[in-house]
């Protein structure tokens, strides 16, 4: 199971839970922002980041780049994931643009931090694509 990042899988499951609840609660949610290029960038970034958080692809992967990076990875990504869930709780109580933006920025930071700490170039690239697309779409849908 050297190809599987169990910790990344757990993080992805935790991140997806409030998203699933939101999707079930808000039927017929439609984006007000229609830019096919930005939407494509976001989707490539989203699915690429989610895949690379769970599966280790040995292409352009260099492993931890400092001592005890695995501990830093688990603590930082764990704390950011808990913060993400907390912001979802606040958002469910009352939505706002600030909370919506936090919900776009936090997963971007989770993906990007994971890529940097794990020295996974492909995850860094997909995290940047996701961030550009997701933050742009979230802002335009909530302004």
C-alpha atoms as a PDB file:
ATOM      1  CA  UNK A   1       0.000   0.000   0.000  1.00  0.00           C
ATOM      2  CA  UNK A   2       2.916   2.283  -0.694  1.00  0.00           C
ATOM      3  CA  UNK A   3       0.837   4.101  -3.305  1.00  0.00           C
ATOM      4  CA  UNK A   4      -1.848   5.123  -0.781  1.00  0.00           C
ATOM      5  CA  UNK A   5      -1.621   8.075   1.621  1.00  0.00           C
ATOM      6  CA  UNK A   6      -3.948   6.940   4.416  1.00  0.00           C
ATOM      7  CA  UNK A   7      -3.687  10.261   6.253  1.00  0.00           C
ATOM      8  CA  UNK A   8      -4.544  12.117   3.033  1.00  0.00           C
ATOM      9  CA  UNK A   9      -7.526   9.799   2.514  1.00  0.00           C
ATOM     10  CA  UNK A  10      -8.807  10.534   6.021  1.00  0.00           C
ATOM     11  CA  UNK A  11      -8.391  14.284   5.443  1.00  0.00           C
ATOM     12  CA  UNK A  12     -10.294  14.066   2.145  1.00  0.00           C
ATOM     13  CA  UNK A  13     -13.148  12.169   3.790  1.00  0.00           C
ATOM     14  CA  UNK A  14     -13.366  14.750   6.570  1.00  0.00           C
ATOM     15  CA  UNK A  15     -13.285  17.628   4.063  1.00  0.00           C
ATOM     16  CA  UNK A  16     -15.980  16.046   1.922  1.00  0.00           C
ATOM     17  CA  UNK A  17     -18.443  15.377   4.778  1.00  0.00           C
ATOM     18  CA  UNK A  18     -19.651  18.984   5.277  1.00  0.00           C
ATOM     19  CA  UNK A  19     -19.694  19.454   1.502  1.00  0.00           C
ATOM     20  CA  UNK A  20     -22.012  16.448   1.185  1.00  0.00           C
ATOM     21  CA  UNK A  21     -24.272  17.812   3.931  1.00  0.00           C
ATOM     22  CA  UNK A  22     -24.388  21.184   2.161  1.00  0.00           C
ATOM     23  CA  UNK A  23     -25.229  19.529  -1.162  1.00  0.00           C
ATOM     24  CA  UNK A  24     -28.074  17.571   0.443  1.00  0.00           C
ATOM     25  CA  UNK A  25     -29.445  20.637   2.231  1.00  0.00           C
ATOM     26  CA  UNK A  26     -29.344  22.956  -0.786  1.00  0.00           C
ATOM     27  CA  UNK A  27     -30.997  21.346  -3.759  1.00  0.00           C
ATOM     28  CA  UNK A  28     -30.834  23.156  -7.110  1.00  0.00           C
ATOM     29  CA  UNK A  29     -27.815  25.276  -6.194  1.00  0.00           C
ATOM     30  CA  UNK A  30     -26.645  26.971  -9.359  1.00  0.00           C
ATOM     31  CA  UNK A  31     -23.504  29.006  -9.901  1.00  0.00           C
ATOM     32  CA  UNK A  32     -24.085  32.643 -10.809  1.00  0.00           C
ATOM     33  CA  UNK A  33     -20.583  32.888 -12.245  1.00  0.00           C
ATOM     34  CA  UNK A  34     -20.208  31.428 -15.714  1.00  0.00           C
ATOM     35  CA  UNK A  35     -16.665  31.386 -17.035  1.00  0.00           C
ATOM     36  CA  UNK A  36     -15.858  28.070 -18.701  1.00  0.00           C
ATOM     37  CA  UNK A  37     -12.096  28.585 -18.473  1.00  0.00           C
ATOM     38  CA  UNK A  38     -12.135  29.309 -14.739  1.00  0.00           C
ATOM     39  CA  UNK A  39     -14.586  26.447 -14.150  1.00  0.00           C
ATOM     40  CA  UNK A  40     -12.315  24.045 -16.054  1.00  0.00           C
ATOM     41  CA  UNK A  41      -9.247  25.240 -14.113  1.00  0.00           C
ATOM     42  CA  UNK A  42     -11.115  24.702 -10.842  1.00  0.00           C
ATOM     43  CA  UNK A  43     -12.262  21.188 -11.779  1.00  0.00           C
ATOM     44  CA  UNK A  44      -8.810  20.118 -12.959  1.00  0.00           C
ATOM     45  CA  UNK A  45      -7.345  21.507  -9.745  1.00  0.00           C
ATOM     46  CA  UNK A  46     -10.081  20.002  -7.537  1.00  0.00           C
ATOM     47  CA  UNK A  47      -9.938  16.458  -8.854  1.00  0.00           C
ATOM     48  CA  UNK A  48      -6.163  16.531  -9.306  1.00  0.00           C
ATOM     49  CA  UNK A  49      -5.633  17.731  -5.729  1.00  0.00           C
ATOM     50  CA  UNK A  50      -8.089  15.245  -4.261  1.00  0.00           C
ATOM     51  CA  UNK A  51      -6.492  12.384  -6.199  1.00  0.00           C
ATOM     52  CA  UNK A  52      -2.944  13.405  -5.263  1.00  0.00           C
ATOM     53  CA  UNK A  53      -3.870  13.819  -1.588  1.00  0.00           C
ATOM     54  CA  UNK A  54      -4.883  10.156  -1.515  1.00  0.00           C
ATOM     55  CA  UNK A  55      -2.621   8.458  -4.051  1.00  0.00           C
ATOM     56  CA  UNK A  56       1.153   8.759  -4.219  1.00  0.00           C
ATOM     57  CA  UNK A  57       2.282   9.337  -7.795  1.00  0.00           C
ATOM     58  CA  UNK A  58       6.060   8.871  -8.022  1.00  0.00           C
ATOM     59  CA  UNK A  59       6.296  11.456 -10.821  1.00  0.00           C
ATOM     60  CA  UNK A  60       7.945  14.641  -9.542  1.00  0.00           C
ATOM     61  CA  UNK A  61       7.674  13.473  -5.939  1.00  0.00           C
ATOM     62  CA  UNK A  62      10.680  14.070  -3.729  1.00  0.00           C
ATOM     63  CA  UNK A  63       9.515  13.001  -0.248  1.00  0.00           C
ATOM     64  CA  UNK A  64       9.756  14.999   2.944  1.00  0.00           C
ATOM     65  CA  UNK A  65      12.283  17.768   2.580  1.00  0.00           C
ATOM     66  CA  UNK A  66      13.127  18.298   6.262  1.00  0.00           C
ATOM     67  CA  UNK A  67      13.420  16.257   9.454  1.00  0.00           C
ATOM     68  CA  UNK A  68      10.143  15.507  11.214  1.00  0.00           C
ATOM     69  CA  UNK A  69       8.170  16.821   8.228  1.00  0.00           C
ATOM     70  CA  UNK A  70       5.678  13.993   8.678  1.00  0.00           C
ATOM     71  CA  UNK A  71       4.806  15.356  12.139  1.00  0.00           C
ATOM     72  CA  UNK A  72       4.505  18.904  10.788  1.00  0.00           C
ATOM     73  CA  UNK A  73       2.347  17.543   7.962  1.00  0.00           C
ATOM     74  CA  UNK A  74      -0.030  15.705  10.278  1.00  0.00           C
ATOM     75  CA  UNK A  75      -0.343  18.535  12.814  1.00  0.00           C
ATOM     76  CA  UNK A  76      -0.682  21.370  10.278  1.00  0.00           C
ATOM     77  CA  UNK A  77      -3.041  19.588   7.894  1.00  0.00           C
ATOM     78  CA  UNK A  78      -5.054  18.204  10.818  1.00  0.00           C
ATOM     79  CA  UNK A  79      -5.423  21.670  12.386  1.00  0.00           C
ATOM     80  CA  UNK A  80      -6.395  23.247   9.044  1.00  0.00           C
ATOM     81  CA  UNK A  81      -8.969  20.507   8.479  1.00  0.00           C
ATOM     82  CA  UNK A  82     -10.494  21.072  11.921  1.00  0.00           C
ATOM     83  CA  UNK A  83     -10.598  24.818  11.213  1.00  0.00           C
ATOM     84  CA  UNK A  84     -12.313  24.082   7.888  1.00  0.00           C
ATOM     85  CA  UNK A  85     -14.989  22.018   9.659  1.00  0.00           C
ATOM     86  CA  UNK A  86     -15.457  24.752  12.271  1.00  0.00           C
ATOM     87  CA  UNK A  87     -15.994  27.370   9.548  1.00  0.00           C
ATOM     88  CA  UNK A  88     -18.581  25.054   7.972  1.00  0.00           C
ATOM     89  CA  UNK A  89     -20.449  24.952  11.296  1.00  0.00           C
ATOM     90  CA  UNK A  90     -20.436  28.750  11.375  1.00  0.00           C
ATOM     91  CA  UNK A  91     -21.510  28.886   7.721  1.00  0.00           C
ATOM     92  CA  UNK A  92     -24.429  26.500   8.347  1.00  0.00           C
ATOM     93  CA  UNK A  93     -25.639  28.800  11.132  1.00  0.00           C
ATOM     94  CA  UNK A  94     -25.441  31.934   8.990  1.00  0.00           C
ATOM     95  CA  UNK A  95     -23.747  32.282   5.629  1.00  0.00           C
ATOM     96  CA  UNK A  96     -21.621  35.282   4.710  1.00  0.00           C
ATOM     97  CA  UNK A  97     -19.087  36.162   2.055  1.00  0.00           C
ATOM     98  CA  UNK A  98     -16.279  36.030   4.623  1.00  0.00           C
ATOM     99  CA  UNK A  99     -17.190  32.474   5.637  1.00  0.00           C
ATOM    100  CA  UNK A 100     -17.668  31.414   2.019  1.00  0.00           C
ATOM    101  CA  UNK A 101     -14.224  32.788   1.155  1.00  0.00           C
ATOM    102  CA  UNK A 102     -12.685  30.995   4.140  1.00  0.00           C
ATOM    103  CA  UNK A 103     -14.282  27.775   2.862  1.00  0.00           C
ATOM    104  CA  UNK A 104     -12.597  28.368  -0.505  1.00  0.00           C
ATOM    105  CA  UNK A 105      -9.218  29.418   0.879  1.00  0.00           C
ATOM    106  CA  UNK A 106      -8.764  26.732   3.558  1.00  0.00           C
ATOM    107  CA  UNK A 107      -8.858  23.678   1.264  1.00  0.00           C
ATOM    108  CA  UNK A 108      -6.505  25.499  -1.086  1.00  0.00           C
ATOM    109  CA  UNK A 109      -4.072  25.970   1.805  1.00  0.00           C
ATOM    110  CA  UNK A 110      -4.533  22.325   2.841  1.00  0.00           C
ATOM    111  CA  UNK A 111      -3.711  21.073  -0.660  1.00  0.00           C
ATOM    112  CA  UNK A 112      -0.845  23.521  -1.175  1.00  0.00           C
ATOM    113  CA  UNK A 113       0.706  22.871   2.247  1.00  0.00           C
ATOM    114  CA  UNK A 114       0.482  19.135   1.665  1.00  0.00           C
ATOM    115  CA  UNK A 115       2.216  19.482  -1.690  1.00  0.00           C
ATOM    116  CA  UNK A 116       4.986  21.624  -0.234  1.00  0.00           C
ATOM    117  CA  UNK A 117       5.627  19.499   2.863  1.00  0.00           C
ATOM    118  CA  UNK A 118       5.496  16.245   0.878  1.00  0.00           C
ATOM    119  CA  UNK A 119       7.524  17.790  -1.986  1.00  0.00           C
ATOM    120  CA  UNK A 120       4.914  16.723  -4.530  1.00  0.00           C
ATOM    121  CA  UNK A 121       5.216  19.085  -7.479  1.00  0.00           C
ATOM    122  CA  UNK A 122       2.020  17.827  -9.149  1.00  0.00           C
ATOM    123  CA  UNK A 123       0.011  18.447  -5.967  1.00  0.00           C
ATOM    124  CA  UNK A 124       1.431  21.968  -5.723  1.00  0.00           C
ATOM    125  CA  UNK A 125       0.407  22.669  -9.339  1.00  0.00           C
ATOM    126  CA  UNK A 126      -3.102  21.238  -8.940  1.00  0.00           C
ATOM    127  CA  UNK A 127      -3.551  23.085  -5.617  1.00  0.00           C
ATOM    128  CA  UNK A 128      -2.657  26.370  -7.323  1.00  0.00           C
ATOM    129  CA  UNK A 129      -5.111  25.643 -10.150  1.00  0.00           C
ATOM    130  CA  UNK A 130      -7.807  24.731  -7.638  1.00  0.00           C
ATOM    131  CA  UNK A 131      -7.158  27.877  -5.610  1.00  0.00           C
ATOM    132  CA  UNK A 132      -7.297  30.179  -8.625  1.00  0.00           C
ATOM    133  CA  UNK A 133     -10.543  28.659  -9.849  1.00  0.00           C
ATOM    134  CA  UNK A 134     -12.312  27.976  -6.565  1.00  0.00           C
ATOM    135  CA  UNK A 135     -11.558  31.314  -4.941  1.00  0.00           C
ATOM    136  CA  UNK A 136     -12.572  33.201  -8.099  1.00  0.00           C
ATOM    137  CA  UNK A 137     -15.847  31.296  -8.444  1.00  0.00           C
ATOM    138  CA  UNK A 138     -16.661  31.550  -4.734  1.00  0.00           C
ATOM    139  CA  UNK A 139     -16.032  35.291  -4.686  1.00  0.00           C
ATOM    140  CA  UNK A 140     -18.127  35.928  -7.779  1.00  0.00           C
ATOM    141  CA  UNK A 141     -20.993  33.751  -6.517  1.00  0.00           C
ATOM    142  CA  UNK A 142     -21.096  35.525  -3.146  1.00  0.00           C
ATOM    143  CA  UNK A 143     -20.390  39.169  -3.885  1.00  0.00           C
END
